């Protein structure tokens, strides 16, 4: 079982435990709210039962968001977890608004409120202890698997603990003659809950619009990449979050004389190092450059392609009376403003009869009329490769 599957199972398990506790506490609060004449406890019980809906929502989102990429979602389904966090954050803000509104009304009507009885205190205390325990457990799981959705649900559980504290303080205050204390404490708690809900929602909204990762995080990634042999620089670094994973896109500059396979291997080595050093790294896209294309925007508009270069070379060989050379390989090294040409000849009797130093000079004079020409070198090889 891989880490993603383990995280999904752990997230679902803690959410279902929370749902079971919400069910038991909700029923207890409603029953004893009626018996003890506590409207606050009764309302808190209805609140706990309503949390079952969000718990089931979280379970469904977790199951869907951890599915493997498919044709419709090639990047995976982690965005659904982000959307779920936005929904839960909005629910927290809405719950805070309702708590504040009801508390203001209760504060204005506290003089006429019916006094509750002591069983309400016991149930409120049990609720506080239970919800605080499930909050801490859920929060620890959410932080361990780096799931904003589970963290949001943890704070949603803590709103129940806060509301139960309000009920406890309110009941105790009312029984001791301070009926207004219930409503006043509830208003303070409502502001705290609203702040938590807004922070979770705003963080997820920034993720949905592909906000870049913090500068210090990108700096750590860059420093790690620069430790890979062959990497000259990192540029055009783009980043974003998707659920609990960081998605990266970057250009890696390597020496222009490296082969395409070596350049790609250096890129693979950079990705391997990143994923080994940082657990949050998800998908990484890299592009291998032999120059800094952020500074050379017109690069591809000024330098010719292979067909044009090879055509000029064949014409030059004709003019140099060397059209029948056994050529093994033509390699072009693109720099930011020039092309260097490597011409590899087969180690044959025909080629050995040619004065390569003189031919290099003649070809160089022919190419010197082109502003993009950066040099030409002739080598001997053994393996024929199709041009």
Protein backbone atom coordinates (compact mmCIF):
# COMPACT_ATOMS: atom_id res chain seq x y z
CA UNK A 1 0.00 0.00 0.00
CA UNK A 2 1.56 3.32 -1.10
CA UNK A 3 1.69 6.53 0.95
CA UNK A 4 -1.23 8.12 -0.93
CA UNK A 5 -3.48 5.15 -0.16
CA UNK A 6 -2.35 5.18 3.49
CA UNK A 7 -3.11 8.89 3.77
CA UNK A 8 -6.54 8.42 2.24
CA UNK A 9 -7.38 5.58 4.61
CA UNK A 10 -6.15 7.52 7.65
CA UNK A 11 -8.10 10.62 6.64
CA UNK A 12 -11.31 8.64 6.13
CA UNK A 13 -10.86 6.78 9.42
CA UNK A 14 -10.44 9.92 11.55
CA UNK A 15 -13.37 11.59 9.78
CA UNK A 16 -15.68 8.62 10.44
CA UNK A 17 -14.62 8.58 14.10
CA UNK A 18 -15.53 12.26 14.30
CA UNK A 19 -18.89 11.56 12.65
CA UNK A 20 -19.70 8.86 15.21
CA UNK A 21 -18.84 11.23 18.08
CA UNK A 22 -21.01 13.95 16.49
CA UNK A 23 -23.94 11.52 16.36
CA UNK A 24 -23.65 10.45 20.01
CA UNK A 25 -23.07 13.99 21.33
CA UNK A 26 -25.87 15.42 19.21
CA UNK A 27 -28.40 12.96 20.59
CA UNK A 28 -27.20 13.50 24.20
CA UNK A 29 -27.38 17.29 23.88
CA UNK A 30 -30.87 17.25 22.43
CA UNK A 31 -32.24 14.83 25.05
CA UNK A 32 -30.67 16.57 28.04
CA UNK A 33 -31.34 19.99 26.56
CA UNK A 34 -35.04 19.23 26.75
CA UNK A 35 -34.81 17.58 30.20
CA UNK A 36 -32.65 20.36 31.70
CA UNK A 37 -34.56 23.25 30.10
CA UNK A 38 -31.42 24.45 28.30
CA UNK A 39 -32.16 25.99 24.92
CA UNK A 40 -28.42 26.57 24.40
CA UNK A 41 -27.64 22.86 24.85
CA UNK A 42 -30.55 21.92 22.59
CA UNK A 43 -29.28 24.26 19.85
CA UNK A 44 -25.76 22.90 20.32
CA UNK A 45 -27.12 19.37 19.84
CA UNK A 46 -28.73 20.33 16.54
CA UNK A 47 -25.40 21.90 15.56
CA UNK A 48 -23.57 18.63 16.32
CA UNK A 49 -26.00 16.59 14.23
CA UNK A 50 -25.64 19.04 11.35
CA UNK A 51 -21.90 18.37 11.44
CA UNK A 52 -22.63 14.85 10.25
CA UNK A 53 -23.36 16.33 6.82
CA UNK A 54 -19.92 17.96 6.62
CA UNK A 55 -18.26 14.78 7.88
CA UNK A 56 -19.85 12.75 5.10
CA UNK A 57 -18.91 15.51 2.64
CA UNK A 58 -15.28 15.25 3.75
CA UNK A 59 -15.29 11.44 3.36
CA UNK A 60 -16.69 11.72 -0.17
CA UNK A 61 -14.20 14.43 -1.20
CA UNK A 62 -11.24 12.50 0.24
CA UNK A 63 -12.22 9.39 -1.69
CA UNK A 64 -12.57 11.31 -4.95
CA UNK A 65 -9.56 13.60 -4.56
CA UNK A 66 -7.15 10.66 -4.07
CA UNK A 67 -8.13 8.91 -7.30
CA UNK A 68 -5.41 8.35 -9.86
CA UNK A 69 -5.12 10.74 -12.86
CA UNK A 70 -7.41 9.91 -15.76
CA UNK A 71 -8.16 11.23 -19.23
CA UNK A 72 -10.37 14.05 -17.93
CA UNK A 73 -8.04 14.93 -15.03
CA UNK A 74 -4.46 14.22 -16.17
CA UNK A 75 -3.05 16.15 -13.21
CA UNK A 76 -5.08 14.12 -10.70
CA UNK A 77 -8.06 15.04 -8.53
CA UNK A 78 -6.41 16.87 -5.63
CA UNK A 79 -8.16 20.13 -6.57
CA UNK A 80 -11.39 18.61 -5.26
CA UNK A 81 -9.82 18.56 -1.80
CA UNK A 82 -9.05 22.26 -2.19
CA UNK A 83 -12.64 22.97 -3.20
CA UNK A 84 -13.83 20.97 -0.20
CA UNK A 85 -11.61 23.09 2.06
CA UNK A 86 -13.21 26.24 0.62
CA UNK A 87 -16.66 24.82 1.33
CA UNK A 88 -15.74 23.90 4.91
CA UNK A 89 -14.12 27.29 5.45
CA UNK A 90 -17.31 29.00 4.28
CA UNK A 91 -19.32 26.75 6.59
CA UNK A 92 -17.12 27.86 9.50
CA UNK A 93 -17.72 31.52 8.64
CA UNK A 94 -21.48 30.86 8.31
CA UNK A 95 -21.56 29.01 11.63
CA UNK A 96 -19.70 31.90 13.26
CA UNK A 97 -22.21 34.37 11.84
CA UNK A 98 -25.15 32.32 13.11
CA UNK A 99 -23.51 31.97 16.55
CA UNK A 100 -22.94 35.71 16.74
CA UNK A 101 -26.50 36.52 15.63
CA UNK A 102 -28.11 34.11 18.07
CA UNK A 103 -25.82 35.29 20.86
CA UNK A 104 -26.75 38.92 20.31
CA UNK A 105 -30.42 38.00 20.47
CA UNK A 106 -29.80 35.92 23.60
CA UNK A 107 -27.92 38.83 25.15
CA UNK A 108 -30.86 41.14 24.55
CA UNK A 109 -33.36 38.59 25.92
CA UNK A 110 -31.26 37.18 28.79
CA UNK A 111 -33.53 38.72 31.41
CA UNK A 112 -36.50 36.60 30.28
CA UNK A 113 -34.60 33.37 29.57
CA UNK A 114 -35.56 30.21 31.47
CA UNK A 115 -32.80 29.06 33.84
CA UNK A 116 -31.22 25.71 32.92
CA UNK A 117 -30.48 22.87 35.33
CA UNK A 118 -27.23 21.11 36.33
CA UNK A 119 -27.38 18.09 33.88
CA UNK A 120 -26.76 20.58 31.10
CA UNK A 121 -23.40 21.37 32.71
CA UNK A 122 -22.36 17.70 32.70
CA UNK A 123 -23.26 17.13 29.03
CA UNK A 124 -21.54 20.38 28.01
CA UNK A 125 -18.38 19.31 29.86
CA UNK A 126 -18.43 15.89 28.17
CA UNK A 127 -18.88 17.61 24.82
CA UNK A 128 -15.94 19.96 25.42
CA UNK A 129 -13.60 17.09 26.36
CA UNK A 130 -14.74 14.86 23.48
CA UNK A 131 -14.57 17.52 20.77
CA UNK A 132 -11.23 18.86 21.99
CA UNK A 133 -9.79 15.34 21.86
CA UNK A 134 -11.09 14.67 18.35
CA UNK A 135 -9.85 18.13 17.28
CA UNK A 136 -6.29 17.43 18.41
CA UNK A 137 -6.26 13.97 16.86
CA UNK A 138 -7.74 15.17 13.56
CA UNK A 139 -5.40 18.17 13.40
CA UNK A 140 -2.38 15.92 13.97
CA UNK A 141 -3.50 13.62 11.15
CA UNK A 142 -4.16 16.57 8.82
CA UNK A 143 -0.72 18.05 9.47
CA UNK A 144 0.99 14.68 9.07
CA UNK A 145 -0.60 13.93 5.69
CA UNK A 146 -0.56 17.65 4.73
CA UNK A 147 -4.29 17.82 4.02
CA UNK A 148 -5.89 21.26 4.33
CA UNK A 149 -9.30 19.57 4.10
CA UNK A 150 -8.66 17.44 7.21
CA UNK A 151 -7.17 20.45 9.01
CA UNK A 152 -10.29 22.46 8.15
CA UNK A 153 -12.50 19.65 9.44
CA UNK A 154 -10.43 19.56 12.63
CA UNK A 155 -11.13 23.24 13.24
CA UNK A 156 -14.75 22.59 12.42
CA UNK A 157 -14.73 20.05 15.25
CA UNK A 158 -13.23 22.64 17.55
CA UNK A 159 -16.14 25.00 16.85
CA UNK A 160 -18.27 22.38 18.59
CA UNK A 161 -15.88 22.45 21.54
CA UNK A 162 -16.08 26.25 21.59
CA UNK A 163 -19.86 26.22 21.44
CA UNK A 164 -19.96 23.63 24.23
CA UNK A 165 -17.68 25.84 26.32
CA UNK A 166 -20.11 28.67 25.70
CA UNK A 167 -22.98 26.43 26.79
CA UNK A 168 -21.08 25.39 29.92
CA UNK A 169 -20.16 28.97 30.84
CA UNK A 170 -23.62 30.20 29.96
CA UNK A 171 -25.39 27.56 32.02
CA UNK A 172 -23.05 28.10 34.97
CA UNK A 173 -23.41 31.86 34.66
CA UNK A 174 -27.18 31.70 34.38
CA UNK A 175 -27.43 29.40 37.41
CA UNK A 176 -25.28 31.87 39.40
CA UNK A 177 -27.21 34.95 38.28
CA UNK A 178 -25.04 36.08 35.33
CA UNK A 179 -27.37 35.21 32.47
CA UNK A 180 -25.63 37.59 30.03
CA UNK A 181 -22.32 35.69 30.29
CA UNK A 182 -23.51 32.95 27.90
CA UNK A 183 -24.24 35.34 25.03
CA UNK A 184 -21.13 37.49 25.57
CA UNK A 185 -18.77 34.50 25.50
CA UNK A 186 -20.51 33.14 22.40
CA UNK A 187 -19.90 36.40 20.49
CA UNK A 188 -16.15 36.21 21.22
CA UNK A 189 -16.02 32.57 20.14
CA UNK A 190 -17.91 33.44 16.93
CA UNK A 191 -15.20 35.93 15.93
CA UNK A 192 -12.48 33.32 16.55
CA UNK A 193 -14.31 30.73 14.45
CA UNK A 194 -14.88 33.26 11.64
CA UNK A 195 -11.17 34.11 11.57
CA UNK A 196 -10.19 30.45 11.27
CA UNK A 197 -12.75 29.86 8.53
CA UNK A 198 -11.60 32.87 6.55
CA UNK A 199 -7.90 31.91 6.75
CA UNK A 200 -8.62 28.37 5.50
CA UNK A 201 -10.86 29.67 2.71
CA UNK A 202 -8.40 32.33 1.55
CA UNK A 203 -5.50 29.88 1.50
CA UNK A 204 -7.49 27.47 -0.67
CA UNK A 205 -8.68 30.23 -2.99
CA UNK A 206 -5.05 31.24 -3.58
CA UNK A 207 -4.28 27.63 -4.42
CA UNK A 208 -7.17 27.45 -6.90
CA UNK A 209 -5.80 30.46 -8.79
CA UNK A 210 -2.31 28.87 -8.91
CA UNK A 211 -0.55 31.25 -6.54
CA UNK A 212 3.21 30.63 -6.46
CA UNK A 213 4.85 28.93 -3.50
CA UNK A 214 6.60 31.12 -0.89
CA UNK A 215 9.94 32.59 -1.97
CA UNK A 216 11.90 30.82 0.77
CA UNK A 217 10.48 27.46 -0.36
CA UNK A 218 11.51 28.08 -3.98
CA UNK A 219 14.95 29.17 -2.78
CA UNK A 220 15.37 25.85 -0.96
CA UNK A 221 14.36 23.95 -4.11
CA UNK A 222 16.79 25.97 -6.25
CA UNK A 223 19.68 25.42 -3.84
CA UNK A 224 19.02 21.68 -3.96
CA UNK A 225 18.94 21.62 -7.78
CA UNK A 226 22.18 23.59 -8.05
CA UNK A 227 23.93 20.77 -6.17
CA UNK A 228 23.34 18.46 -9.15
CA UNK A 229 26.42 18.07 -11.34
CA UNK A 230 26.01 19.70 -14.74
CA UNK A 231 23.36 22.28 -13.79
CA UNK A 232 24.59 25.79 -14.60
CA UNK A 233 21.47 27.71 -13.60
CA UNK A 234 17.75 27.41 -12.89
CA UNK A 235 15.38 29.91 -14.49
CA UNK A 236 11.75 30.33 -15.56
CA UNK A 237 10.85 28.64 -12.25
CA UNK A 238 7.06 28.29 -11.92
CA UNK A 239 5.31 26.71 -8.94
CA UNK A 240 1.87 26.04 -7.51
CA UNK A 241 0.11 23.86 -4.96
CA UNK A 242 -2.36 21.11 -5.75
CA UNK A 243 -3.81 19.65 -2.59
CA UNK A 244 -0.89 18.59 -0.42
CA UNK A 245 1.60 18.51 -3.31
CA UNK A 246 3.86 21.12 -4.88
CA UNK A 247 3.89 21.17 -8.69
CA UNK A 248 7.01 22.64 -10.31
CA UNK A 249 8.03 23.73 -13.79
CA UNK A 250 11.55 24.96 -14.53
CA UNK A 251 14.26 25.45 -17.12
CA UNK A 252 17.67 23.95 -16.36
CA UNK A 253 20.70 25.35 -18.15
CA UNK A 254 23.48 22.91 -19.06
CA UNK A 255 26.62 23.18 -21.17
CA UNK A 256 25.86 23.50 -24.93
CA UNK A 257 28.22 20.67 -25.95
CA UNK A 258 26.38 18.02 -23.96
CA UNK A 259 24.31 15.44 -25.81
CA UNK A 260 20.54 15.57 -25.56
CA UNK A 261 20.53 12.33 -23.56
CA UNK A 262 23.08 13.65 -21.04
CA UNK A 263 21.16 16.89 -20.64
CA UNK A 264 17.95 14.97 -20.00
CA UNK A 265 19.72 12.70 -17.52
CA UNK A 266 20.89 15.75 -15.59
CA UNK A 267 17.26 16.92 -15.47
CA UNK A 268 16.11 13.52 -14.20
CA UNK A 269 18.84 13.64 -11.55
CA UNK A 270 17.56 17.05 -10.41
CA UNK A 271 14.00 15.70 -10.09
CA UNK A 272 15.23 12.64 -8.19
CA UNK A 273 17.13 14.85 -5.76
CA UNK A 274 14.14 17.14 -5.21
CA UNK A 275 11.72 14.30 -4.50
CA UNK A 276 14.21 12.63 -2.19
CA UNK A 277 14.80 15.80 -0.17
CA UNK A 278 11.28 17.28 -0.08
CA UNK A 279 8.24 15.13 0.68
CA UNK A 280 5.77 17.67 -0.72
CA UNK A 281 7.13 17.51 -4.28
CA UNK A 282 4.56 16.04 -6.66
CA UNK A 283 4.92 16.46 -10.42
CA UNK A 284 7.99 18.20 -11.89
CA UNK A 285 8.32 19.41 -15.47
CA UNK A 286 11.78 20.48 -16.61
CA UNK A 287 13.10 21.89 -19.85
CA UNK A 288 16.79 21.59 -20.70
CA UNK A 289 18.43 24.77 -22.04
CA UNK A 290 21.94 25.45 -23.29
CA UNK A 291 21.41 29.17 -22.68
CA UNK A 292 19.21 31.44 -20.55
CA UNK A 293 16.15 31.82 -22.78
CA UNK A 294 14.68 34.43 -20.43
CA UNK A 295 17.38 36.81 -21.66
CA UNK A 296 17.44 35.64 -25.30
CA UNK A 297 13.81 36.04 -26.40
CA UNK A 298 14.63 36.23 -30.15
CA UNK A 299 17.00 33.27 -30.10
CA UNK A 300 14.94 30.96 -32.32
CA UNK A 301 14.20 33.80 -34.77
CA UNK A 302 17.85 34.46 -35.67
CA UNK A 303 19.56 31.06 -35.80
CA UNK A 304 18.92 28.60 -38.68
CA UNK A 305 17.70 25.03 -38.29
CA UNK A 306 19.71 21.88 -39.17
CA UNK A 307 18.38 21.61 -42.75
CA UNK A 308 19.64 25.07 -43.64
CA UNK A 309 23.01 24.57 -41.95
CA UNK A 310 23.60 21.16 -43.54
CA UNK A 311 22.65 22.55 -46.97
CA UNK A 312 25.27 25.27 -46.61
CA UNK A 313 27.81 22.66 -45.50
CA UNK A 314 27.22 20.41 -48.52
CA UNK A 315 27.62 23.40 -50.86
CA UNK A 316 30.83 24.34 -49.08
CA UNK A 317 32.19 20.80 -49.42
CA UNK A 318 31.46 20.91 -53.16
CA UNK A 319 33.33 24.18 -53.48
CA UNK A 320 36.23 22.70 -51.49
CA UNK A 321 36.27 19.68 -53.85
CA UNK A 322 35.45 17.28 -51.02
CA UNK A 323 31.89 16.12 -51.77
CA UNK A 324 32.59 12.42 -51.34
CA UNK A 325 33.80 12.38 -47.74
CA UNK A 326 32.52 9.50 -45.56
CA UNK A 327 30.67 11.58 -42.96
CA UNK A 328 29.71 9.83 -39.72
CA UNK A 329 27.95 12.59 -37.83
CA UNK A 330 27.02 16.27 -38.04
CA UNK A 331 26.52 17.84 -34.61
CA UNK A 332 25.28 21.39 -34.10
CA UNK A 333 25.89 23.20 -30.81
CA UNK A 334 23.49 26.10 -30.37
CA UNK A 335 24.61 29.01 -28.25
CA UNK A 336 22.63 32.16 -27.53
CA UNK A 337 23.96 33.95 -30.62
CA UNK A 338 25.96 31.38 -32.61
CA UNK A 339 26.16 27.79 -33.83
CA UNK A 340 29.30 25.66 -33.53
CA UNK A 341 29.61 22.80 -36.02
CA UNK A 342 31.24 19.43 -35.31
CA UNK A 343 31.79 17.28 -38.41
CA UNK A 344 32.81 13.68 -37.61
CA UNK A 345 34.39 11.63 -40.39
CA UNK A 346 34.68 7.86 -40.62
CA UNK A 347 38.20 6.60 -40.09
CA UNK A 348 38.53 5.42 -43.69
CA UNK A 349 41.27 5.46 -46.31
CA UNK A 350 39.41 8.10 -48.35
CA UNK A 351 39.04 10.43 -45.37
CA UNK A 352 42.66 9.93 -44.27
CA UNK A 353 43.79 11.30 -47.62
CA UNK A 354 42.18 14.64 -46.82
CA UNK A 355 44.10 17.39 -45.05
CA UNK A 356 41.55 18.09 -42.30
CA UNK A 357 43.32 21.20 -41.02
CA UNK A 358 43.20 22.77 -44.45
CA UNK A 359 39.59 21.66 -44.95
CA UNK A 360 38.59 23.15 -41.59
CA UNK A 361 40.11 26.47 -42.63
CA UNK A 362 38.39 26.47 -46.04
CA UNK A 363 34.99 25.59 -44.56
CA UNK A 364 35.46 28.18 -41.84
CA UNK A 365 36.11 30.86 -44.47
CA UNK A 366 32.97 29.81 -46.31
CA UNK A 367 30.81 29.97 -43.15
CA UNK A 368 32.37 33.22 -41.95
CA UNK A 369 29.92 35.14 -44.15
CA UNK A 370 27.10 34.05 -41.83
CA UNK A 371 26.71 36.13 -38.63
CA UNK A 372 25.57 33.08 -36.63
CA UNK A 373 28.69 31.00 -37.36
CA UNK A 374 30.66 30.22 -34.18
CA UNK A 375 33.28 27.74 -35.40
CA UNK A 376 33.76 24.39 -37.16
CA UNK A 377 35.74 21.34 -36.07
CA UNK A 378 36.46 18.10 -37.94
CA UNK A 379 36.93 14.82 -36.02
CA UNK A 380 37.44 11.16 -36.84
CA UNK A 381 35.01 8.47 -35.63
CA UNK A 382 34.23 4.82 -36.27
CA UNK A 383 30.46 4.43 -36.23
CA UNK A 384 28.32 5.62 -39.13
CA UNK A 385 25.14 7.35 -38.07
CA UNK A 386 22.41 8.55 -40.42
CA UNK A 387 22.41 12.33 -40.74
